[in-house]
């Protein structure tokens, strides 16, 4: 009975705290946002490529989160805390994009994703999530990247 009550309490708290859930951006809205921010043919990638990556990495959820052990990936682009953003938890974070990982500001996430793309192309190494060493890369099997 105690475990049932505890489970009920967890479900109730999850429903009562919608701010922690983040916002799921509808696909069509995200297409418009990415177009407005110049993602079409940005460094040779189409909006379709970006949408595919976002779908597989975060399911369009602005509060998507993945714990990699020593670092974490945040937001719709799953920006990594070891290299690209500051979360206050990752020791030695480089914070190359000079942004907070956990704010709900999509504008700075968009600029950071573009910055990551530029650096990835210039250095010819994989730097999107996990900084090149880890993180979920399921999208690479499904998306042309």
N, C-alpha and C. Protein backbone atom coordinates (compact mmCIF):
# COMPACT_ATOMS: atom_id res chain seq x y z
N UNK A 1 0.83 -1.19 0.00
CA UNK A 1 0.00 0.00 0.00
C UNK A 1 0.87 1.25 0.00
N UNK A 2 1.99 1.22 0.76
CA UNK A 2 2.87 2.38 0.80
C UNK A 2 3.44 2.68 -0.58
N UNK A 3 3.82 1.63 -1.31
CA UNK A 3 4.39 1.84 -2.64
C UNK A 3 3.34 2.39 -3.60
N UNK A 4 2.08 1.97 -3.45
CA UNK A 4 1.01 2.51 -4.30
C UNK A 4 0.78 3.98 -4.00
N UNK A 5 0.79 4.35 -2.72
CA UNK A 5 0.61 5.75 -2.34
C UNK A 5 1.77 6.59 -2.85
N UNK A 6 2.98 6.05 -2.74
CA UNK A 6 4.15 6.77 -3.23
C UNK A 6 4.07 6.97 -4.74
N UNK A 7 3.67 5.92 -5.46
CA UNK A 7 3.51 6.02 -6.91
C UNK A 7 2.46 7.05 -7.28
N UNK A 8 1.34 7.04 -6.57
CA UNK A 8 0.28 8.02 -6.82
C UNK A 8 0.79 9.43 -6.58
N UNK A 9 1.57 9.62 -5.49
CA UNK A 9 2.12 10.93 -5.18
C UNK A 9 3.05 11.41 -6.29
N UNK A 10 3.88 10.52 -6.81
CA UNK A 10 4.78 10.90 -7.90
C UNK A 10 4.01 11.32 -9.15
N UNK A 11 2.99 10.56 -9.49
CA UNK A 11 2.16 10.90 -10.66
C UNK A 11 1.49 12.24 -10.43
N UNK A 12 0.93 12.45 -9.25
CA UNK A 12 0.25 13.71 -8.93
C UNK A 12 1.22 14.89 -9.03
N UNK A 13 2.41 14.74 -8.45
CA UNK A 13 3.39 15.83 -8.52
C UNK A 13 3.82 16.10 -9.96
N UNK A 14 3.97 15.04 -10.74
CA UNK A 14 4.33 15.22 -12.14
C UNK A 14 3.28 16.01 -12.90
N UNK A 15 2.02 15.78 -12.60
CA UNK A 15 0.94 16.51 -13.26
C UNK A 15 0.78 17.91 -12.70
N UNK A 16 1.11 18.09 -11.43
CA UNK A 16 0.91 19.38 -10.77
C UNK A 16 2.02 20.37 -11.08
N UNK A 17 3.11 19.90 -11.65
CA UNK A 17 4.25 20.77 -11.94
C UNK A 17 4.49 20.88 -13.43
N UNK A 18 3.58 21.51 -14.18
CA UNK A 18 3.72 21.55 -15.63
C UNK A 18 4.94 22.32 -16.10
N UNK A 19 5.46 23.26 -15.31
CA UNK A 19 6.63 24.02 -15.72
C UNK A 19 7.85 23.16 -15.91
N UNK A 20 7.92 22.06 -15.18
CA UNK A 20 9.08 21.19 -15.30
C UNK A 20 8.98 20.29 -16.53
N UNK A 21 7.83 20.27 -17.17
CA UNK A 21 7.62 19.42 -18.33
C UNK A 21 8.21 20.02 -19.61
N UNK A 22 8.35 21.33 -19.66
CA UNK A 22 8.82 21.98 -20.86
C UNK A 22 7.70 22.15 -21.86
N UNK A 23 8.04 22.70 -22.98
CA UNK A 23 7.07 22.93 -24.04
C UNK A 23 7.43 22.06 -25.22
N UNK A 24 6.47 21.36 -25.74
CA UNK A 24 6.68 20.59 -26.97
C UNK A 24 6.27 21.50 -28.12
N UNK A 25 7.23 21.84 -28.95
CA UNK A 25 6.98 22.75 -30.07
C UNK A 25 6.42 21.94 -31.23
N UNK A 26 5.23 22.29 -31.70
CA UNK A 26 4.69 21.56 -32.86
C UNK A 26 5.66 21.62 -34.05
N UNK A 27 5.76 20.54 -34.78
CA UNK A 27 6.71 20.42 -35.89
C UNK A 27 6.61 21.59 -36.86
N UNK A 28 5.40 21.94 -37.27
CA UNK A 28 5.23 23.04 -38.24
C UNK A 28 5.71 24.37 -37.67
N UNK A 29 5.47 24.60 -36.38
CA UNK A 29 5.95 25.82 -35.74
C UNK A 29 7.47 25.84 -35.71
N UNK A 30 8.08 24.69 -35.43
CA UNK A 30 9.54 24.62 -35.40
C UNK A 30 10.13 24.86 -36.78
N UNK A 31 9.48 24.35 -37.81
CA UNK A 31 9.94 24.61 -39.19
C UNK A 31 9.97 26.12 -39.43
N UNK A 32 8.90 26.82 -39.06
CA UNK A 32 8.84 28.28 -39.24
C UNK A 32 9.95 28.97 -38.46
N UNK A 33 10.14 28.56 -37.20
CA UNK A 33 11.17 29.17 -36.36
C UNK A 33 12.56 28.98 -36.97
N UNK A 34 12.86 27.77 -37.41
CA UNK A 34 14.17 27.50 -38.00
C UNK A 34 14.36 28.27 -39.31
N UNK A 35 13.31 28.38 -40.11
CA UNK A 35 13.39 29.17 -41.35
C UNK A 35 13.67 30.63 -41.02
N UNK A 36 12.98 31.16 -40.03
CA UNK A 36 13.17 32.56 -39.63
C UNK A 36 14.58 32.83 -39.14
N UNK A 37 15.24 31.81 -38.61
CA UNK A 37 16.59 31.97 -38.07
C UNK A 37 17.67 31.51 -39.05
N UNK A 38 17.30 31.32 -40.30
CA UNK A 38 18.29 31.05 -41.34
C UNK A 38 18.89 29.66 -41.34
N UNK A 39 18.14 28.65 -40.93
CA UNK A 39 18.66 27.29 -40.91
C UNK A 39 18.61 26.60 -42.27
N UNK A 40 17.77 27.08 -43.18
CA UNK A 40 17.68 26.43 -44.49
C UNK A 40 19.02 26.58 -45.21
N UNK A 41 19.61 25.46 -45.58
CA UNK A 41 20.90 25.40 -46.26
C UNK A 41 22.02 26.03 -45.44
N UNK A 42 21.85 26.03 -44.11
CA UNK A 42 22.92 26.52 -43.23
C UNK A 42 24.01 25.46 -43.17
N UNK A 43 25.16 25.78 -43.70
CA UNK A 43 26.30 24.88 -43.78
C UNK A 43 25.91 23.55 -44.43
N UNK A 44 25.09 23.65 -45.47
CA UNK A 44 24.75 22.47 -46.27
C UNK A 44 23.66 21.58 -45.71
N UNK A 45 22.99 22.00 -44.65
CA UNK A 45 21.92 21.20 -44.05
C UNK A 45 20.58 21.86 -44.31
N UNK A 46 19.59 21.04 -44.59
CA UNK A 46 18.25 21.56 -44.86
C UNK A 46 17.44 21.64 -43.56
N UNK A 47 16.31 22.33 -43.64
CA UNK A 47 15.39 22.36 -42.51
C UNK A 47 14.97 20.92 -42.16
N UNK A 48 14.76 20.10 -43.17
CA UNK A 48 14.38 18.71 -42.95
C UNK A 48 15.43 17.97 -42.12
N UNK A 49 16.72 18.22 -42.41
CA UNK A 49 17.79 17.60 -41.63
C UNK A 49 17.71 18.01 -40.16
N UNK A 50 17.53 19.32 -39.94
CA UNK A 50 17.45 19.84 -38.57
C UNK A 50 16.23 19.29 -37.84
N UNK A 51 15.08 19.27 -38.52
CA UNK A 51 13.85 18.76 -37.90
C UNK A 51 14.02 17.28 -37.54
N UNK A 52 14.64 16.52 -38.40
CA UNK A 52 14.87 15.10 -38.13
C UNK A 52 15.73 14.94 -36.88
N UNK A 53 16.81 15.71 -36.79
CA UNK A 53 17.69 15.63 -35.63
C UNK A 53 16.93 16.00 -34.35
N UNK A 54 16.17 17.10 -34.39
CA UNK A 54 15.43 17.55 -33.20
C UNK A 54 14.39 16.50 -32.79
N UNK A 55 13.71 15.92 -33.77
CA UNK A 55 12.71 14.89 -33.47
C UNK A 55 13.33 13.73 -32.72
N UNK A 56 14.45 13.23 -33.21
CA UNK A 56 15.08 12.05 -32.61
C UNK A 56 15.81 12.36 -31.31
N UNK A 57 16.34 13.57 -31.17
CA UNK A 57 17.08 13.93 -29.96
C UNK A 57 16.17 14.32 -28.81
N UNK A 58 15.08 15.07 -29.09
CA UNK A 58 14.29 15.65 -28.00
C UNK A 58 12.78 15.52 -28.15
N UNK A 59 12.32 14.98 -29.24
CA UNK A 59 10.88 14.92 -29.53
C UNK A 59 10.25 16.31 -29.47
N UNK A 60 11.00 17.32 -29.87
CA UNK A 60 10.56 18.72 -29.92
C UNK A 60 10.30 19.32 -28.54
N UNK A 61 10.80 18.71 -27.49
CA UNK A 61 10.56 19.17 -26.12
C UNK A 61 11.68 20.11 -25.68
N UNK A 62 11.31 21.35 -25.30
CA UNK A 62 12.31 22.34 -24.91
C UNK A 62 13.01 21.99 -23.60
N UNK A 63 12.44 21.11 -22.81
CA UNK A 63 13.05 20.71 -21.54
C UNK A 63 13.60 19.28 -21.59
N UNK A 64 13.80 18.75 -22.78
CA UNK A 64 14.36 17.40 -22.89
C UNK A 64 15.73 17.39 -22.20
N UNK A 65 16.04 16.26 -21.58
CA UNK A 65 17.24 16.17 -20.75
C UNK A 65 17.79 14.75 -20.85
N UNK A 66 19.11 14.65 -20.99
CA UNK A 66 19.75 13.33 -20.99
C UNK A 66 21.02 13.42 -20.14
N UNK A 67 21.11 12.57 -19.14
CA UNK A 67 22.28 12.53 -18.26
C UNK A 67 23.30 11.55 -18.83
N UNK A 68 24.48 12.07 -19.17
CA UNK A 68 25.55 11.24 -19.73
C UNK A 68 26.55 10.79 -18.67
N UNK A 69 26.27 11.07 -17.41
CA UNK A 69 27.22 10.73 -16.35
C UNK A 69 28.02 11.95 -15.95
N UNK A 70 29.04 12.28 -16.73
CA UNK A 70 29.87 13.45 -16.41
C UNK A 70 29.29 14.75 -16.96
N UNK A 71 28.38 14.66 -17.89
CA UNK A 71 27.76 15.85 -18.47
C UNK A 71 26.31 15.52 -18.81
N UNK A 72 25.57 16.54 -19.23
CA UNK A 72 24.17 16.39 -19.58
C UNK A 72 23.87 17.11 -20.89
N UNK A 73 22.82 16.65 -21.59
CA UNK A 73 22.36 17.29 -22.82
C UNK A 73 21.00 17.92 -22.53
N UNK A 74 20.80 19.14 -23.05
CA UNK A 74 19.61 19.92 -22.71
C UNK A 74 18.87 20.45 -23.93
N UNK A 75 17.55 20.53 -23.82
CA UNK A 75 16.71 21.24 -24.77
C UNK A 75 16.45 20.52 -26.07
N UNK A 76 15.83 21.25 -27.00
CA UNK A 76 15.43 20.62 -28.26
C UNK A 76 16.62 20.16 -29.09
N UNK A 77 17.76 20.83 -28.96
CA UNK A 77 18.95 20.44 -29.71
C UNK A 77 19.88 19.53 -28.89
N UNK A 78 19.52 19.26 -27.62
CA UNK A 78 20.34 18.44 -26.72
C UNK A 78 21.77 18.97 -26.66
N UNK A 79 21.88 20.24 -26.29
CA UNK A 79 23.17 20.93 -26.19
C UNK A 79 23.90 20.42 -24.95
N UNK A 80 25.15 20.03 -25.12
CA UNK A 80 25.92 19.37 -24.07
C UNK A 80 26.57 20.35 -23.10
N UNK A 81 26.49 20.01 -21.80
CA UNK A 81 26.99 20.89 -20.75
C UNK A 81 28.51 20.86 -20.60
N UNK A 82 29.17 19.87 -21.12
CA UNK A 82 30.62 19.84 -20.98
C UNK A 82 31.30 20.83 -21.93
N UNK A 83 30.70 21.03 -23.09
CA UNK A 83 31.34 21.86 -24.10
C UNK A 83 30.60 23.16 -24.39
N UNK A 84 29.30 23.14 -24.45
CA UNK A 84 28.56 24.23 -25.08
C UNK A 84 27.78 25.14 -24.14
N UNK A 85 27.31 24.65 -23.00
CA UNK A 85 26.49 25.47 -22.10
C UNK A 85 26.88 25.20 -20.65
N UNK A 86 26.41 26.06 -19.76
CA UNK A 86 26.72 25.95 -18.33
C UNK A 86 25.49 25.51 -17.56
N UNK A 87 25.64 24.41 -16.81
CA UNK A 87 24.52 23.94 -16.00
C UNK A 87 24.79 24.00 -14.50
N UNK A 88 25.98 24.46 -14.12
CA UNK A 88 26.32 24.55 -12.71
C UNK A 88 26.62 23.20 -12.07
N UNK A 89 26.60 22.14 -12.84
CA UNK A 89 26.84 20.79 -12.32
C UNK A 89 28.03 20.11 -12.98
N UNK A 90 28.35 20.52 -14.19
CA UNK A 90 29.39 19.85 -14.96
C UNK A 90 30.74 20.48 -14.66
N UNK A 91 31.62 19.70 -14.03
CA UNK A 91 32.95 20.19 -13.69
C UNK A 91 33.75 20.47 -14.96
N UNK A 92 34.36 21.63 -15.04
CA UNK A 92 35.20 21.99 -16.17
C UNK A 92 34.45 22.34 -17.44
N UNK A 93 33.19 22.73 -17.31
CA UNK A 93 32.41 23.10 -18.49
C UNK A 93 33.10 24.22 -19.26
N UNK A 94 33.20 24.07 -20.56
CA UNK A 94 33.83 25.09 -21.40
C UNK A 94 32.85 26.21 -21.76
N UNK A 95 31.56 25.92 -21.78
CA UNK A 95 30.51 26.90 -22.06
C UNK A 95 30.85 27.77 -23.27
N UNK A 96 31.19 27.12 -24.37
CA UNK A 96 31.60 27.81 -25.59
C UNK A 96 30.52 28.78 -26.09
N UNK A 97 29.25 28.43 -25.91
CA UNK A 97 28.16 29.30 -26.38
C UNK A 97 27.80 30.40 -25.39
N UNK A 98 28.39 30.36 -24.19
CA UNK A 98 28.11 31.37 -23.16
C UNK A 98 26.63 31.47 -22.84
N UNK A 99 26.00 30.31 -22.60
CA UNK A 99 24.58 30.28 -22.27
C UNK A 99 24.33 29.34 -21.10
N UNK A 100 23.18 29.52 -20.46
CA UNK A 100 22.72 28.59 -19.44
C UNK A 100 22.08 27.40 -20.14
N UNK A 101 22.39 26.21 -19.66
CA UNK A 101 21.81 25.00 -20.26
C UNK A 101 20.32 24.88 -19.97
N UNK A 102 19.92 25.29 -18.80
CA UNK A 102 18.58 24.94 -18.34
C UNK A 102 17.55 26.06 -18.42
N UNK A 103 17.91 27.21 -19.00
CA UNK A 103 16.87 28.22 -19.16
C UNK A 103 15.95 27.78 -20.29
N UNK A 104 14.83 28.42 -20.41
CA UNK A 104 13.88 28.03 -21.46
C UNK A 104 13.90 29.05 -22.61
N UNK A 105 15.09 29.63 -22.84
CA UNK A 105 15.26 30.62 -23.90
C UNK A 105 15.69 29.90 -25.18
N UNK A 106 14.75 29.75 -26.09
CA UNK A 106 15.07 29.04 -27.33
C UNK A 106 15.95 29.85 -28.26
N UNK A 107 15.95 31.18 -28.11
CA UNK A 107 16.78 32.03 -28.97
C UNK A 107 18.26 31.69 -28.79
N UNK A 108 18.72 31.61 -27.53
CA UNK A 108 20.14 31.32 -27.34
C UNK A 108 20.47 29.87 -27.70
N UNK A 109 19.51 28.97 -27.56
CA UNK A 109 19.73 27.58 -28.00
C UNK A 109 19.90 27.51 -29.51
N UNK A 110 19.11 28.29 -30.22
CA UNK A 110 19.19 28.33 -31.69
C UNK A 110 20.55 28.85 -32.13
N UNK A 111 21.00 29.94 -31.51
CA UNK A 111 22.31 30.49 -31.87
C UNK A 111 23.43 29.51 -31.53
N UNK A 112 23.29 28.83 -30.39
CA UNK A 112 24.30 27.85 -30.00
C UNK A 112 24.32 26.68 -30.98
N UNK A 113 23.16 26.19 -31.39
CA UNK A 113 23.10 25.08 -32.36
C UNK A 113 23.79 25.48 -33.66
N UNK A 114 23.59 26.72 -34.08
CA UNK A 114 24.26 27.19 -35.30
C UNK A 114 25.77 27.26 -35.08
N UNK A 115 26.18 27.73 -33.91
CA UNK A 115 27.60 27.81 -33.57
C UNK A 115 28.23 26.41 -33.58
N UNK A 116 27.53 25.45 -32.99
CA UNK A 116 28.02 24.07 -32.97
C UNK A 116 28.16 23.54 -34.40
N UNK A 117 27.19 23.83 -35.24
CA UNK A 117 27.22 23.37 -36.62
C UNK A 117 28.42 23.95 -37.36
N UNK A 118 28.67 25.24 -37.16
CA UNK A 118 29.81 25.90 -37.81
C UNK A 118 31.11 25.25 -37.34
N UNK A 119 31.26 25.10 -36.03
CA UNK A 119 32.50 24.51 -35.51
C UNK A 119 32.67 23.07 -35.96
N UNK A 120 31.56 22.35 -36.03
CA UNK A 120 31.62 20.96 -36.50
C UNK A 120 32.14 20.90 -37.93
N UNK A 121 31.62 21.77 -38.77
CA UNK A 121 32.04 21.77 -40.18
C UNK A 121 33.49 22.22 -40.32
N UNK A 122 33.88 23.23 -39.56
CA UNK A 122 35.24 23.75 -39.68
C UNK A 122 36.28 22.75 -39.18
N UNK A 123 35.95 22.05 -38.13
CA UNK A 123 36.91 21.11 -37.54
C UNK A 123 36.78 19.70 -38.07
N UNK A 124 35.69 19.47 -38.83
CA UNK A 124 35.45 18.15 -39.43
C UNK A 124 35.35 17.05 -38.38
N UNK A 125 34.84 17.39 -37.21
CA UNK A 125 34.62 16.37 -36.19
C UNK A 125 33.19 16.49 -35.69
N UNK A 126 32.70 15.43 -35.11
CA UNK A 126 31.33 15.41 -34.61
C UNK A 126 31.28 16.09 -33.25
N UNK A 127 30.57 17.20 -33.18
CA UNK A 127 30.52 17.95 -31.94
C UNK A 127 29.11 18.25 -31.45
N UNK A 128 28.09 17.70 -32.03
CA UNK A 128 26.75 18.16 -31.64
C UNK A 128 26.45 17.76 -30.21
N UNK A 129 25.90 16.62 -29.95
CA UNK A 129 25.65 16.26 -28.55
C UNK A 129 26.80 15.43 -28.05
N UNK A 130 27.11 15.60 -26.79
CA UNK A 130 28.18 14.83 -26.18
C UNK A 130 29.55 15.34 -26.55
N UNK A 131 29.65 16.42 -27.31
CA UNK A 131 30.93 17.01 -27.63
C UNK A 131 31.83 16.12 -28.46
N UNK A 132 31.31 15.06 -29.01
CA UNK A 132 32.13 14.20 -29.83
C UNK A 132 32.44 12.87 -29.17
N UNK A 133 32.07 12.73 -27.89
CA UNK A 133 32.45 11.51 -27.21
C UNK A 133 31.31 10.64 -26.74
N UNK A 134 30.11 11.11 -26.73
CA UNK A 134 29.05 10.27 -26.17
C UNK A 134 27.70 10.80 -26.57
N UNK A 135 26.76 10.64 -25.70
CA UNK A 135 25.42 11.15 -25.96
C UNK A 135 24.68 10.27 -26.94
N UNK A 136 23.40 10.43 -26.96
CA UNK A 136 22.58 9.64 -27.88
C UNK A 136 22.68 10.17 -29.29
N UNK A 137 23.03 9.32 -30.22
CA UNK A 137 23.14 9.75 -31.61
C UNK A 137 22.22 8.91 -32.48
N UNK A 138 21.06 8.53 -31.93
CA UNK A 138 20.13 7.70 -32.68
C UNK A 138 19.71 8.40 -33.97
N UNK A 139 19.64 9.71 -33.94
CA UNK A 139 19.19 10.46 -35.10
C UNK A 139 20.12 10.29 -36.28
N UNK A 140 21.40 10.00 -36.04
CA UNK A 140 22.34 9.89 -37.16
C UNK A 140 21.99 8.71 -38.06
N UNK A 141 21.39 7.68 -37.49
CA UNK A 141 21.00 6.53 -38.29
C UNK A 141 19.76 6.83 -39.12
N UNK A 142 18.94 7.76 -38.66
CA UNK A 142 17.68 8.07 -39.34
C UNK A 142 17.75 9.31 -40.21
N UNK A 143 18.66 10.22 -39.90
CA UNK A 143 18.72 11.50 -40.60
C UNK A 143 20.00 11.57 -41.44
N UNK A 144 19.91 12.26 -42.54
CA UNK A 144 21.10 12.48 -43.36
C UNK A 144 21.86 13.63 -42.74
N UNK A 145 23.00 13.35 -42.18
CA UNK A 145 23.76 14.40 -41.51
C UNK A 145 25.14 14.34 -42.00
